[in-house]
């Protein structure tokens, strides 16, 4: 049972603490479990104490997006800029930086898979200028990387949109596979694909081993290599010297 709310306890609350607790709750119990009452119980306060930091369930969903991108940006600030495994030494800095962003994004998705559907859909309901500051910072960083590399505005926006679409789509495909029987070691039985008539769905049945071998980071990077590697280099041979967000 939650402790009774009091000014001393309430004074220790903050928006980062509330959002961190919301992320923990969702990681533990799933997105459907996130309510003001459940969150207040986890924090040991009365539900009304939370309204100083968020305006209800909808605000908590926006807060999950905010916390997610804060973690992505923090990973970028602290990660070393090491060459991507298997990358050619002459790989353009702008592309290497996008790989770094993709890896940081994927790492946060792995840490908080229940939040990914909210991250993919929630910002679409909010005008760009009202999206979380952490989202704006990451977007500004990527566009700055592309602009400094020499891409014109239209091409930079196309590259950015291509990057976001593939990264989100690839990770969603991995995380949204519904497991029919999590304790079943056989891939076909675990995913319930044995229920599909072989005569009607021969290709799905034939690809069953691939479902079990899926490596989302490998697929993510392979797709980005294919999509972005086909782009011509920008006309200016600029060298990226900007910092991470």
C-alpha atoms as a PDB file:
ATOM      1  CA  UNK A   1       0.000   0.000   0.000  1.00  0.00           C
ATOM      2  CA  UNK A   2       1.263   3.502  -0.840  1.00  0.00           C
ATOM      3  CA  UNK A   3       2.480   5.661   2.004  1.00  0.00           C
ATOM      4  CA  UNK A   4       0.230   8.582   2.823  1.00  0.00           C
ATOM      5  CA  UNK A   5       1.290  11.689   0.934  1.00  0.00           C
ATOM      6  CA  UNK A   6       3.004  14.413   2.938  1.00  0.00           C
ATOM      7  CA  UNK A   7       4.884  17.608   2.124  1.00  0.00           C
ATOM      8  CA  UNK A   8       8.258  16.038   2.933  1.00  0.00           C
ATOM      9  CA  UNK A   9       7.700  13.116   0.558  1.00  0.00           C
ATOM     10  CA  UNK A  10       6.213  15.392  -2.094  1.00  0.00           C
ATOM     11  CA  UNK A  11       9.283  17.616  -1.891  1.00  0.00           C
ATOM     12  CA  UNK A  12      11.477  14.760  -3.047  1.00  0.00           C
ATOM     13  CA  UNK A  13       9.495  14.296  -6.251  1.00  0.00           C
ATOM     14  CA  UNK A  14      10.626  15.774  -9.544  1.00  0.00           C
ATOM     15  CA  UNK A  15       9.611  15.308 -13.161  1.00  0.00           C
ATOM     16  CA  UNK A  16      12.695  13.168 -13.974  1.00  0.00           C
ATOM     17  CA  UNK A  17      11.949  10.968 -10.942  1.00  0.00           C
ATOM     18  CA  UNK A  18       8.290  10.582 -11.914  1.00  0.00           C
ATOM     19  CA  UNK A  19       9.176   9.699 -15.513  1.00  0.00           C
ATOM     20  CA  UNK A  20      11.877   7.280 -14.402  1.00  0.00           C
ATOM     21  CA  UNK A  21       9.347   5.516 -12.192  1.00  0.00           C
ATOM     22  CA  UNK A  22       6.880   5.405 -15.107  1.00  0.00           C
ATOM     23  CA  UNK A  23       9.492   3.774 -17.335  1.00  0.00           C
ATOM     24  CA  UNK A  24      10.285   1.226 -14.621  1.00  0.00           C
ATOM     25  CA  UNK A  25       6.596   0.425 -14.185  1.00  0.00           C
ATOM     26  CA  UNK A  26       6.098  -0.115 -17.929  1.00  0.00           C
ATOM     27  CA  UNK A  27       9.266  -2.229 -18.194  1.00  0.00           C
ATOM     28  CA  UNK A  28       8.013  -4.402 -15.350  1.00  0.00           C
ATOM     29  CA  UNK A  29       4.264  -4.659 -15.950  1.00  0.00           C
ATOM     30  CA  UNK A  30       3.625  -3.469 -19.505  1.00  0.00           C
ATOM     31  CA  UNK A  31       2.139  -0.329 -21.001  1.00  0.00           C
ATOM     32  CA  UNK A  32      -1.438  -1.194 -20.035  1.00  0.00           C
ATOM     33  CA  UNK A  33      -0.436  -1.072 -16.360  1.00  0.00           C
ATOM     34  CA  UNK A  34       0.575   2.593 -16.492  1.00  0.00           C
ATOM     35  CA  UNK A  35      -1.975   4.642 -14.550  1.00  0.00           C
ATOM     36  CA  UNK A  36      -1.641   7.586 -12.217  1.00  0.00           C
ATOM     37  CA  UNK A  37      -2.787   5.411  -9.315  1.00  0.00           C
ATOM     38  CA  UNK A  38      -0.278   2.623 -10.011  1.00  0.00           C
ATOM     39  CA  UNK A  39       2.539   5.107 -10.494  1.00  0.00           C
ATOM     40  CA  UNK A  40       1.653   6.954  -7.304  1.00  0.00           C
ATOM     41  CA  UNK A  41       1.683   3.666  -5.416  1.00  0.00           C
ATOM     42  CA  UNK A  42       5.156   2.880  -6.735  1.00  0.00           C
ATOM     43  CA  UNK A  43       6.378   6.302  -5.630  1.00  0.00           C
ATOM     44  CA  UNK A  44       4.622   6.105  -2.240  1.00  0.00           C
ATOM     45  CA  UNK A  45       2.488   9.207  -2.731  1.00  0.00           C
ATOM     46  CA  UNK A  46      -1.141  10.081  -3.352  1.00  0.00           C
ATOM     47  CA  UNK A  47      -2.118  10.276  -7.056  1.00  0.00           C
ATOM     48  CA  UNK A  48      -2.887  14.007  -6.819  1.00  0.00           C
ATOM     49  CA  UNK A  49       0.771  14.677  -5.973  1.00  0.00           C
ATOM     50  CA  UNK A  50       1.739  13.617  -9.502  1.00  0.00           C
ATOM     51  CA  UNK A  51      -0.335  16.267 -11.245  1.00  0.00           C
ATOM     52  CA  UNK A  52       2.325  18.853 -10.453  1.00  0.00           C
ATOM     53  CA  UNK A  53       4.622  16.979 -12.841  1.00  0.00           C
ATOM     54  CA  UNK A  54       2.248  15.540 -15.444  1.00  0.00           C
ATOM     55  CA  UNK A  55      -1.330  16.233 -16.508  1.00  0.00           C
ATOM     56  CA  UNK A  56      -2.611  12.663 -16.342  1.00  0.00           C
ATOM     57  CA  UNK A  57      -2.291   9.488 -18.404  1.00  0.00           C
ATOM     58  CA  UNK A  58      -1.821  11.331 -21.703  1.00  0.00           C
ATOM     59  CA  UNK A  59       0.941  13.383 -20.154  1.00  0.00           C
ATOM     60  CA  UNK A  60       2.596  10.214 -18.902  1.00  0.00           C
ATOM     61  CA  UNK A  61       2.650   8.801 -22.431  1.00  0.00           C
ATOM     62  CA  UNK A  62       4.343  11.980 -23.654  1.00  0.00           C
ATOM     63  CA  UNK A  63       6.703  11.636 -20.706  1.00  0.00           C
ATOM     64  CA  UNK A  64       7.701   8.119 -21.783  1.00  0.00           C
ATOM     65  CA  UNK A  65       8.756   9.531 -25.157  1.00  0.00           C
ATOM     66  CA  UNK A  66      10.679  12.293 -23.400  1.00  0.00           C
ATOM     67  CA  UNK A  67      12.465   9.818 -21.121  1.00  0.00           C
ATOM     68  CA  UNK A  68      13.257   7.516 -24.057  1.00  0.00           C
ATOM     69  CA  UNK A  69      14.978  10.228 -26.086  1.00  0.00           C
ATOM     70  CA  UNK A  70      16.763  11.575 -23.025  1.00  0.00           C
ATOM     71  CA  UNK A  71      18.322   8.140 -22.655  1.00  0.00           C
ATOM     72  CA  UNK A  72      19.266   7.994 -26.345  1.00  0.00           C
ATOM     73  CA  UNK A  73      20.958  11.388 -26.089  1.00  0.00           C
ATOM     74  CA  UNK A  74      22.741  10.388 -22.893  1.00  0.00           C
ATOM     75  CA  UNK A  75      24.123   7.293 -24.611  1.00  0.00           C
ATOM     76  CA  UNK A  76      25.382   9.475 -27.460  1.00  0.00           C
ATOM     77  CA  UNK A  77      27.043  11.871 -25.035  1.00  0.00           C
ATOM     78  CA  UNK A  78      28.873   9.098 -23.230  1.00  0.00           C
ATOM     79  CA  UNK A  79      29.659   6.656 -26.037  1.00  0.00           C
ATOM     80  CA  UNK A  80      33.103   6.655 -27.642  1.00  0.00           C
ATOM     81  CA  UNK A  81      33.201   7.418 -31.336  1.00  0.00           C
ATOM     82  CA  UNK A  82      34.708   4.147 -32.444  1.00  0.00           C
ATOM     83  CA  UNK A  83      34.649   2.935 -36.066  1.00  0.00           C
ATOM     84  CA  UNK A  84      31.764   0.633 -36.914  1.00  0.00           C
ATOM     85  CA  UNK A  85      32.782  -3.028 -37.111  1.00  0.00           C
ATOM     86  CA  UNK A  86      33.621  -3.887 -40.712  1.00  0.00           C
ATOM     87  CA  UNK A  87      33.428  -0.276 -41.858  1.00  0.00           C
ATOM     88  CA  UNK A  88      35.797   0.943 -44.515  1.00  0.00           C
ATOM     89  CA  UNK A  89      38.417   3.351 -43.132  1.00  0.00           C
ATOM     90  CA  UNK A  90      37.287   6.048 -45.549  1.00  0.00           C
ATOM     91  CA  UNK A  91      33.630   5.900 -44.506  1.00  0.00           C
ATOM     92  CA  UNK A  92      32.247   9.464 -44.535  1.00  0.00           C
ATOM     93  CA  UNK A  93      31.886  10.930 -41.032  1.00  0.00           C
ATOM     94  CA  UNK A  94      28.214  11.808 -41.579  1.00  0.00           C
ATOM     95  CA  UNK A  95      27.384   8.156 -42.243  1.00  0.00           C
ATOM     96  CA  UNK A  96      29.454   6.937 -39.296  1.00  0.00           C
ATOM     97  CA  UNK A  97      27.567   9.347 -37.036  1.00  0.00           C
ATOM     98  CA  UNK A  98      24.196   8.064 -38.246  1.00  0.00           C
ATOM     99  CA  UNK A  99      25.351   4.504 -37.477  1.00  0.00           C
ATOM    100  CA  UNK A 100      26.230   5.691 -33.971  1.00  0.00           C
ATOM    101  CA  UNK A 101      22.765   7.200 -33.518  1.00  0.00           C
ATOM    102  CA  UNK A 102      21.144   3.985 -34.789  1.00  0.00           C
ATOM    103  CA  UNK A 103      23.101   1.852 -32.344  1.00  0.00           C
ATOM    104  CA  UNK A 104      22.215   4.137 -29.424  1.00  0.00           C
ATOM    105  CA  UNK A 105      18.540   4.098 -30.432  1.00  0.00           C
ATOM    106  CA  UNK A 106      18.520   0.295 -30.740  1.00  0.00           C
ATOM    107  CA  UNK A 107      20.192  -0.072 -27.333  1.00  0.00           C
ATOM    108  CA  UNK A 108      17.444   1.965 -25.654  1.00  0.00           C
ATOM    109  CA  UNK A 109      14.779  -0.041 -27.487  1.00  0.00           C
ATOM    110  CA  UNK A 110      16.356  -3.243 -26.161  1.00  0.00           C
ATOM    111  CA  UNK A 111      16.303  -1.791 -22.646  1.00  0.00           C
ATOM    112  CA  UNK A 112      12.665  -0.625 -22.886  1.00  0.00           C
ATOM    113  CA  UNK A 113      10.869  -2.641 -25.613  1.00  0.00           C
ATOM    114  CA  UNK A 114       7.403  -1.926 -24.192  1.00  0.00           C
ATOM    115  CA  UNK A 115       7.858   1.787 -24.861  1.00  0.00           C
ATOM    116  CA  UNK A 116       8.734   1.499 -28.560  1.00  0.00           C
ATOM    117  CA  UNK A 117       5.123   1.587 -29.878  1.00  0.00           C
ATOM    118  CA  UNK A 118       4.561   4.848 -27.972  1.00  0.00           C
ATOM    119  CA  UNK A 119       7.821   6.302 -29.326  1.00  0.00           C
ATOM    120  CA  UNK A 120       6.794   5.366 -32.872  1.00  0.00           C
ATOM    121  CA  UNK A 121       3.267   6.792 -32.719  1.00  0.00           C
ATOM    122  CA  UNK A 122       2.939   9.396 -29.966  1.00  0.00           C
ATOM    123  CA  UNK A 123       5.006  12.187 -31.588  1.00  0.00           C
ATOM    124  CA  UNK A 124       2.748  12.044 -34.662  1.00  0.00           C
ATOM    125  CA  UNK A 125      -0.102  13.437 -32.557  1.00  0.00           C
ATOM    126  CA  UNK A 126       1.967  16.415 -31.383  1.00  0.00           C
ATOM    127  CA  UNK A 127       3.114  19.394 -33.510  1.00  0.00           C
ATOM    128  CA  UNK A 128       6.869  19.400 -34.062  1.00  0.00           C
ATOM    129  CA  UNK A 129       7.452  22.494 -31.924  1.00  0.00           C
ATOM    130  CA  UNK A 130       5.694  20.865 -28.948  1.00  0.00           C
ATOM    131  CA  UNK A 131       7.542  17.564 -29.029  1.00  0.00           C
ATOM    132  CA  UNK A 132       9.929  16.749 -26.160  1.00  0.00           C
ATOM    133  CA  UNK A 133      13.110  18.780 -26.032  1.00  0.00           C
ATOM    134  CA  UNK A 134      15.190  15.584 -26.167  1.00  0.00           C
ATOM    135  CA  UNK A 135      13.473  14.587 -29.443  1.00  0.00           C
ATOM    136  CA  UNK A 136      14.111  18.048 -30.882  1.00  0.00           C
ATOM    137  CA  UNK A 137      17.770  17.909 -29.825  1.00  0.00           C
ATOM    138  CA  UNK A 138      18.371  14.560 -31.514  1.00  0.00           C
ATOM    139  CA  UNK A 139      16.586  15.670 -34.682  1.00  0.00           C
ATOM    140  CA  UNK A 140      18.573  18.921 -34.781  1.00  0.00           C
ATOM    141  CA  UNK A 141      21.798  16.981 -34.264  1.00  0.00           C
ATOM    142  CA  UNK A 142      21.166  14.630 -37.201  1.00  0.00           C
ATOM    143  CA  UNK A 143      20.123  17.443 -39.534  1.00  0.00           C
ATOM    144  CA  UNK A 144      23.210  19.418 -38.509  1.00  0.00           C
ATOM    145  CA  UNK A 145      25.422  16.403 -39.265  1.00  0.00           C
ATOM    146  CA  UNK A 146      23.970  16.138 -42.766  1.00  0.00           C
ATOM    147  CA  UNK A 147      24.094  19.889 -43.422  1.00  0.00           C
ATOM    148  CA  UNK A 148      27.725  20.169 -42.320  1.00  0.00           C
ATOM    149  CA  UNK A 149      28.562  17.239 -44.570  1.00  0.00           C
ATOM    150  CA  UNK A 150      27.398  19.329 -47.526  1.00  0.00           C
ATOM    151  CA  UNK A 151      23.891  18.027 -48.267  1.00  0.00           C
ATOM    152  CA  UNK A 152      21.412  20.680 -49.351  1.00  0.00           C
ATOM    153  CA  UNK A 153      18.326  21.187 -47.187  1.00  0.00           C
ATOM    154  CA  UNK A 154      15.991  19.017 -49.280  1.00  0.00           C
ATOM    155  CA  UNK A 155      18.431  16.094 -49.456  1.00  0.00           C
ATOM    156  CA  UNK A 156      19.295  16.347 -45.756  1.00  0.00           C
ATOM    157  CA  UNK A 157      15.590  16.065 -44.917  1.00  0.00           C
ATOM    158  CA  UNK A 158      15.187  13.078 -47.250  1.00  0.00           C
ATOM    159  CA  UNK A 159      18.163  11.287 -45.694  1.00  0.00           C
ATOM    160  CA  UNK A 160      16.844  12.041 -42.203  1.00  0.00           C
ATOM    161  CA  UNK A 161      13.357  10.732 -43.010  1.00  0.00           C
ATOM    162  CA  UNK A 162      14.788   7.605 -44.647  1.00  0.00           C
ATOM    163  CA  UNK A 163      16.945   6.955 -41.595  1.00  0.00           C
ATOM    164  CA  UNK A 164      14.055   7.387 -39.135  1.00  0.00           C
ATOM    165  CA  UNK A 165      11.600   5.328 -41.191  1.00  0.00           C
ATOM    166  CA  UNK A 166      13.932   2.360 -41.548  1.00  0.00           C
ATOM    167  CA  UNK A 167      15.230   2.451 -37.963  1.00  0.00           C
ATOM    168  CA  UNK A 168      11.773   2.573 -36.398  1.00  0.00           C
ATOM    169  CA  UNK A 169      10.310   0.079 -38.855  1.00  0.00           C
ATOM    170  CA  UNK A 170      13.097  -2.449 -38.449  1.00  0.00           C
ATOM    171  CA  UNK A 171      12.959  -2.385 -34.653  1.00  0.00           C
ATOM    172  CA  UNK A 172       9.164  -2.502 -34.585  1.00  0.00           C
ATOM    173  CA  UNK A 173       9.156  -5.617 -36.765  1.00  0.00           C
ATOM    174  CA  UNK A 174      11.427  -7.337 -34.265  1.00  0.00           C
ATOM    175  CA  UNK A 175       9.637  -6.235 -31.100  1.00  0.00           C
ATOM    176  CA  UNK A 176       6.092  -6.775 -32.390  1.00  0.00           C
ATOM    177  CA  UNK A 177       6.499 -10.484 -33.183  1.00  0.00           C
ATOM    178  CA  UNK A 178       3.869 -12.095 -30.978  1.00  0.00           C
ATOM    179  CA  UNK A 179       5.037 -15.313 -29.373  1.00  0.00           C
ATOM    180  CA  UNK A 180       2.395 -18.024 -29.196  1.00  0.00           C
ATOM    181  CA  UNK A 181       4.217 -20.188 -26.630  1.00  0.00           C
ATOM    182  CA  UNK A 182       7.278 -18.572 -24.997  1.00  0.00           C
ATOM    183  CA  UNK A 183       8.391 -21.862 -23.390  1.00  0.00           C
ATOM    184  CA  UNK A 184       8.461 -23.786 -26.667  1.00  0.00           C
ATOM    185  CA  UNK A 185      12.041 -24.207 -28.009  1.00  0.00           C
ATOM    186  CA  UNK A 186      10.954 -24.980 -31.574  1.00  0.00           C
ATOM    187  CA  UNK A 187      10.674 -21.731 -33.540  1.00  0.00           C
ATOM    188  CA  UNK A 188       7.644 -22.778 -35.566  1.00  0.00           C
ATOM    189  CA  UNK A 189       5.734 -23.844 -32.471  1.00  0.00           C
ATOM    190  CA  UNK A 190       6.899 -20.846 -30.408  1.00  0.00           C
ATOM    191  CA  UNK A 191       5.569 -18.385 -32.977  1.00  0.00           C
ATOM    192  CA  UNK A 192       2.491 -20.470 -33.755  1.00  0.00           C
ATOM    193  CA  UNK A 193       3.457 -20.808 -37.428  1.00  0.00           C
ATOM    194  CA  UNK A 194       2.554 -24.517 -37.389  1.00  0.00           C
ATOM    195  CA  UNK A 195      -1.060 -23.324 -37.481  1.00  0.00           C
ATOM    196  CA  UNK A 196      -0.574 -22.004 -41.028  1.00  0.00           C
ATOM    197  CA  UNK A 197      -1.537 -24.495 -43.765  1.00  0.00           C
ATOM    198  CA  UNK A 198       1.653 -25.367 -45.660  1.00  0.00           C
ATOM    199  CA  UNK A 199      -0.168 -25.459 -49.004  1.00  0.00           C
ATOM    200  CA  UNK A 200      -1.421 -21.887 -48.591  1.00  0.00           C
ATOM    201  CA  UNK A 201       1.653 -20.300 -46.996  1.00  0.00           C
ATOM    202  CA  UNK A 202       4.698 -22.191 -48.301  1.00  0.00           C
ATOM    203  CA  UNK A 203       7.076 -19.224 -48.147  1.00  0.00           C
ATOM    204  CA  UNK A 204       6.185 -18.287 -44.570  1.00  0.00           C
ATOM    205  CA  UNK A 205       6.708 -21.892 -43.509  1.00  0.00           C
ATOM    206  CA  UNK A 206       9.993 -22.125 -45.427  1.00  0.00           C
ATOM    207  CA  UNK A 207      11.359 -19.012 -43.741  1.00  0.00           C
ATOM    208  CA  UNK A 208      10.730 -20.278 -40.199  1.00  0.00           C
ATOM    209  CA  UNK A 209      14.461 -20.780 -39.400  1.00  0.00           C
ATOM    210  CA  UNK A 210      15.096 -17.166 -40.331  1.00  0.00           C
ATOM    211  CA  UNK A 211      12.609 -15.990 -37.712  1.00  0.00           C
ATOM    212  CA  UNK A 212      14.664 -17.704 -35.046  1.00  0.00           C
ATOM    213  CA  UNK A 213      17.976 -16.279 -36.293  1.00  0.00           C
ATOM    214  CA  UNK A 214      16.736 -12.694 -36.495  1.00  0.00           C
ATOM    215  CA  UNK A 215      19.340 -10.209 -35.287  1.00  0.00           C
ATOM    216  CA  UNK A 216      17.742  -6.785 -35.235  1.00  0.00           C
ATOM    217  CA  UNK A 217      21.022  -4.839 -35.060  1.00  0.00           C
ATOM    218  CA  UNK A 218      22.433  -6.778 -38.006  1.00  0.00           C
ATOM    219  CA  UNK A 219      19.235  -6.210 -39.991  1.00  0.00           C
ATOM    220  CA  UNK A 220      19.144  -2.570 -38.958  1.00  0.00           C
ATOM    221  CA  UNK A 221      22.689  -1.859 -40.110  1.00  0.00           C
ATOM    222  CA  UNK A 222      22.347  -3.907 -43.298  1.00  0.00           C
ATOM    223  CA  UNK A 223      19.261  -1.944 -44.269  1.00  0.00           C
ATOM    224  CA  UNK A 224      20.893   1.394 -43.502  1.00  0.00           C
ATOM    225  CA  UNK A 225      23.931   0.383 -45.539  1.00  0.00           C
ATOM    226  CA  UNK A 226      21.687  -0.437 -48.464  1.00  0.00           C
ATOM    227  CA  UNK A 227      19.525   2.692 -48.193  1.00  0.00           C
ATOM    228  CA  UNK A 228      22.144   5.303 -47.335  1.00  0.00           C
ATOM    229  CA  UNK A 229      25.086   3.672 -49.093  1.00  0.00           C
ATOM    230  CA  UNK A 230      23.393   4.213 -52.435  1.00  0.00           C
ATOM    231  CA  UNK A 231      23.209   7.972 -51.888  1.00  0.00           C
ATOM    232  CA  UNK A 232      25.750  10.111 -53.730  1.00  0.00           C
ATOM    233  CA  UNK A 233      28.220  11.887 -51.516  1.00  0.00           C
ATOM    234  CA  UNK A 234      27.404  15.572 -50.913  1.00  0.00           C
ATOM    235  CA  UNK A 235      29.018  18.047 -53.317  1.00  0.00           C
ATOM    236  CA  UNK A 236      31.036  19.654 -50.532  1.00  0.00           C
ATOM    237  CA  UNK A 237      33.816  17.504 -49.135  1.00  0.00           C
ATOM    238  CA  UNK A 238      33.103  18.814 -45.644  1.00  0.00           C
ATOM    239  CA  UNK A 239      34.347  17.073 -42.541  1.00  0.00           C
ATOM    240  CA  UNK A 240      31.923  16.742 -39.635  1.00  0.00           C
ATOM    241  CA  UNK A 241      33.272  18.267 -36.431  1.00  0.00           C
ATOM    242  CA  UNK A 242      30.045  18.806 -34.477  1.00  0.00           C
ATOM    243  CA  UNK A 243      29.368  17.327 -31.073  1.00  0.00           C
ATOM    244  CA  UNK A 244      26.737  14.841 -30.011  1.00  0.00           C
ATOM    245  CA  UNK A 245      23.526  16.227 -28.500  1.00  0.00           C
END
